[in-house]
Structure formats: structure tokens, C-alpha cells
Protein backbone atom coordinates (compact mmCIF):
# COMPACT_ATOMS: atom_id res chain seq x y z
CA MET A 1 -98.59 90.21 -49.95
CA ARG A 2 -99.22 87.73 -52.73
CA GLU A 3 -101.01 84.48 -52.02
CA ILE A 4 -101.35 81.17 -53.78
CA ASN A 5 -104.02 81.27 -56.49
CA ALA A 6 -106.97 78.87 -56.82
CA ALA A 7 -105.15 76.62 -59.30
CA GLY A 8 -102.11 76.39 -57.03
CA LEU A 9 -104.23 75.68 -53.97
CA ALA A 10 -106.13 72.94 -55.82
CA LEU A 11 -102.83 71.41 -56.96
CA LEU A 12 -101.36 71.53 -53.47
CA LYS A 13 -104.47 69.98 -51.93
CA SER A 14 -104.57 67.23 -54.54
CA PHE A 15 -101.03 66.10 -53.72
CA GLU A 16 -101.09 66.70 -49.98
CA SER A 17 -104.56 65.21 -49.59
CA CYS A 18 -106.36 65.85 -46.34
CA ARG A 19 -106.10 63.39 -43.49
CA LEU A 20 -108.13 64.13 -40.41
CA ASN A 21 -106.23 61.57 -38.32
CA SER A 22 -102.51 62.02 -37.67
CA TYR A 23 -100.09 59.85 -39.63
CA GLN A 24 -96.36 59.60 -40.18
CA ASP A 25 -95.16 61.04 -43.49
CA GLN A 26 -92.46 59.43 -45.64
CA LYS A 27 -89.80 60.81 -43.32
CA GLY A 28 -91.58 59.52 -40.20
CA ILE A 29 -92.82 62.95 -39.06
CA TRP A 30 -96.27 63.13 -37.47
CA THR A 31 -98.58 65.04 -39.78
CA ILE A 32 -102.28 65.92 -40.02
CA GLY A 33 -104.58 67.79 -42.39
CA TYR A 34 -102.85 69.01 -45.54
CA GLY A 35 -99.28 68.36 -44.48
CA HIS A 36 -99.46 70.20 -41.14
CA SER A 37 -96.53 68.58 -39.38
CA ALA A 38 -94.92 68.29 -35.98
CA ILE A 39 -92.00 70.30 -37.40
CA ILE A 40 -94.32 73.32 -37.61
CA ASP A 41 -96.55 72.44 -34.68
CA PRO A 42 -95.23 70.18 -31.91
CA THR A 43 -98.79 69.45 -30.78
CA VAL A 44 -99.22 67.16 -33.82
CA VAL A 45 -98.81 63.71 -32.32
CA GLN A 46 -99.89 60.14 -32.80
CA GLY A 47 -103.65 59.69 -32.30
CA MET A 48 -104.54 63.34 -32.98
CA THR A 49 -107.73 64.11 -34.93
CA VAL A 50 -109.09 67.30 -36.47
CA ASN A 51 -112.21 68.23 -38.41
CA GLN A 52 -112.22 69.65 -41.94
CA ALA A 53 -112.49 73.26 -40.75
CA GLN A 54 -109.41 72.81 -38.53
CA ALA A 55 -107.49 71.18 -41.39
CA ASP A 56 -108.37 74.12 -43.67
CA MET A 57 -107.31 76.59 -40.97
CA TYR A 58 -103.97 74.81 -40.49
CA LEU A 59 -103.33 74.94 -44.23
CA LYS A 60 -104.10 78.66 -44.40
CA GLN A 61 -101.80 79.30 -41.43
CA ASP A 62 -99.02 77.10 -42.82
CA LEU A 63 -99.09 78.82 -46.20
CA GLN A 64 -98.38 82.20 -44.58
CA LYS A 65 -94.80 81.11 -43.90
CA PHE A 66 -94.22 80.25 -47.54
CA TYR A 67 -95.36 83.63 -48.83
CA GLN A 68 -91.99 84.92 -47.59
CA LEU A 69 -90.63 83.35 -50.77
CA ASP A 70 -91.85 86.49 -52.54
CA HIS A 71 -88.93 88.37 -50.95
CA PHE A 72 -86.47 86.10 -52.77
CA ILE A 73 -88.05 86.23 -56.24
CA SER A 74 -86.43 89.04 -58.18
CA GLU A 75 -87.89 88.22 -61.59
CA LEU A 76 -91.46 89.21 -62.44
CA VAL A 77 -93.50 85.99 -62.28
CA ASN A 78 -97.19 85.55 -63.02
CA ASP A 79 -99.70 84.17 -60.51
CA ASN A 80 -99.36 80.61 -61.78
CA GLN A 81 -95.57 80.71 -61.59
CA TYR A 82 -95.71 82.14 -58.09
CA SER A 83 -98.26 79.55 -57.00
CA ALA A 84 -96.18 76.70 -58.45
CA LEU A 85 -93.17 77.96 -56.50
CA ILE A 86 -95.26 78.08 -53.32
CA CYS A 87 -96.38 74.47 -53.95
CA LEU A 88 -92.76 73.42 -54.39
CA ALA A 89 -91.65 75.23 -51.23
CA PHE A 90 -94.56 73.79 -49.24
CA ASN A 91 -93.32 70.31 -50.11
CA VAL A 92 -89.52 70.62 -49.98
CA GLY A 93 -89.13 73.55 -47.58
CA LEU A 94 -88.75 77.29 -47.90
CA GLY A 95 -85.02 77.26 -47.20
CA THR A 96 -84.43 74.57 -49.80
CA VAL A 97 -86.16 76.61 -52.50
CA LYS A 98 -84.50 79.88 -51.45
CA LEU A 99 -81.06 78.32 -51.98
CA SER A 100 -81.94 76.23 -55.02
CA ASN A 101 -80.72 76.39 -58.59
CA THR A 102 -84.41 76.34 -59.49
CA LEU A 103 -84.96 79.77 -57.94
CA LYS A 104 -81.70 81.07 -59.40
CA LEU A 105 -82.94 80.14 -62.87
CA VAL A 106 -86.36 81.71 -62.22
CA ASN A 107 -84.62 84.91 -61.11
CA ALA A 108 -82.46 84.83 -64.25
CA GLY A 109 -85.58 84.56 -66.41
CA LYS A 110 -84.61 81.06 -67.54
CA SER A 111 -86.50 77.78 -67.57
CA PRO A 112 -86.14 75.93 -64.25
CA ASP A 113 -87.56 72.63 -65.57
CA ALA A 114 -84.59 70.27 -65.20
CA GLU A 115 -83.64 71.56 -61.77
CA TRP A 116 -87.26 71.57 -60.61
CA LEU A 117 -87.60 67.91 -61.51
CA GLU A 118 -84.59 67.07 -59.34
CA PHE A 119 -86.84 67.42 -56.28
CA ASP A 120 -88.24 63.93 -56.84
CA HIS A 121 -86.36 61.98 -54.17
CA VAL A 122 -87.02 61.08 -50.53
CA ASN A 123 -83.93 60.27 -48.50
CA GLY A 124 -81.95 59.86 -51.73
CA VAL A 125 -84.45 57.46 -53.32
CA PHE A 126 -86.44 58.32 -56.47
CA ASN A 127 -90.16 58.68 -55.72
CA PRO A 128 -92.59 58.41 -58.67
CA GLY A 129 -95.29 60.28 -56.72
CA LEU A 130 -92.94 63.22 -56.25
CA ARG A 131 -92.07 63.12 -59.95
CA ARG A 132 -95.80 63.41 -60.79
CA ARG A 133 -96.09 66.29 -58.34
CA ARG A 134 -93.09 68.12 -59.82
CA GLU A 135 -94.49 67.65 -63.34
CA ALA A 136 -97.88 69.03 -62.25
CA GLU A 137 -96.18 72.02 -60.61
CA LEU A 138 -94.23 72.69 -63.79
CA GLU A 139 -97.40 72.43 -65.84
CA LEU A 140 -98.91 75.15 -63.65
CA TYR A 141 -95.66 77.15 -63.80
CA HIS A 142 -95.81 77.23 -67.61
CA LYS A 143 -99.52 77.98 -67.81
CA LEU A 144 -100.21 81.55 -68.87
CA GLY A 145 -102.08 83.55 -66.31
């Protein structure tokens, strides 16, 4: 099974950032570490704390779910493209990416840029931080490797 490469992991960590104390994300979901949320793990609650090793372990565990995306990529993609897709799925959800026009374009061997950038809203509102993240993911996607 393929895994995210070092460049993809660094990109994901830079945008997720690591918080050792639980917090509510932009949608109000309790989260800790690198985006480890109560959606994935109902034990994530207000007041929870973890150490760096636990945060790293959660991230490694959480990424396993997103490697399933490989089953839905029919076009040959390089490690950077795969890793950028994993970063996107980690942020917007595996199901969202599986059904997206972005993945359809990737599987057709076409540029997914415009559709990829459409994932820059939270609850229907444009988010400049998400736009920067999408642009960074696309930069990785287009990097040879």
C-alpha cells in the first residue's frame, strides 16, 4: 500500500499544525494533535491533552484510512500527486474526494486545478487559509517526483 511521502507529510503537518490540547475546529468539532477529531475518535473531548508522541501516533493511524483513496485512482500518479491527494482528502474527507470532479479529472489524465481550488470554503464561506492550503497542495501535485 502506498503512503504519503515526506513532502506531503510536511505539507499536511504545516497546515494542520499540532495542538496538544483539544480545541474546536472551524466546524465546532473537538480535535487534538494533527486534526485527530471526535468524528474519528469519540474520546476526543474538551480538556483532553496528549504528548507529541501520541499526536504523531494519532496522525499515523488517521492517515491509514485515507490510503484507501488509492483504490479509486485509476490514472498512474507520481508520489507527489498521490501525497497531494491524500492531503486534500485528509482535510475535506475521503468520501468527498472519491466523488469529486477533482478525482474524475485526475483519473482522466487532466489538470484538476480549478476544481481542486473549489475546496476553499467552510460552511459556504470563502476561507483564505484553505485557499493557501489548496494552492500548496497543487504546487506539490505539479512537482515532478
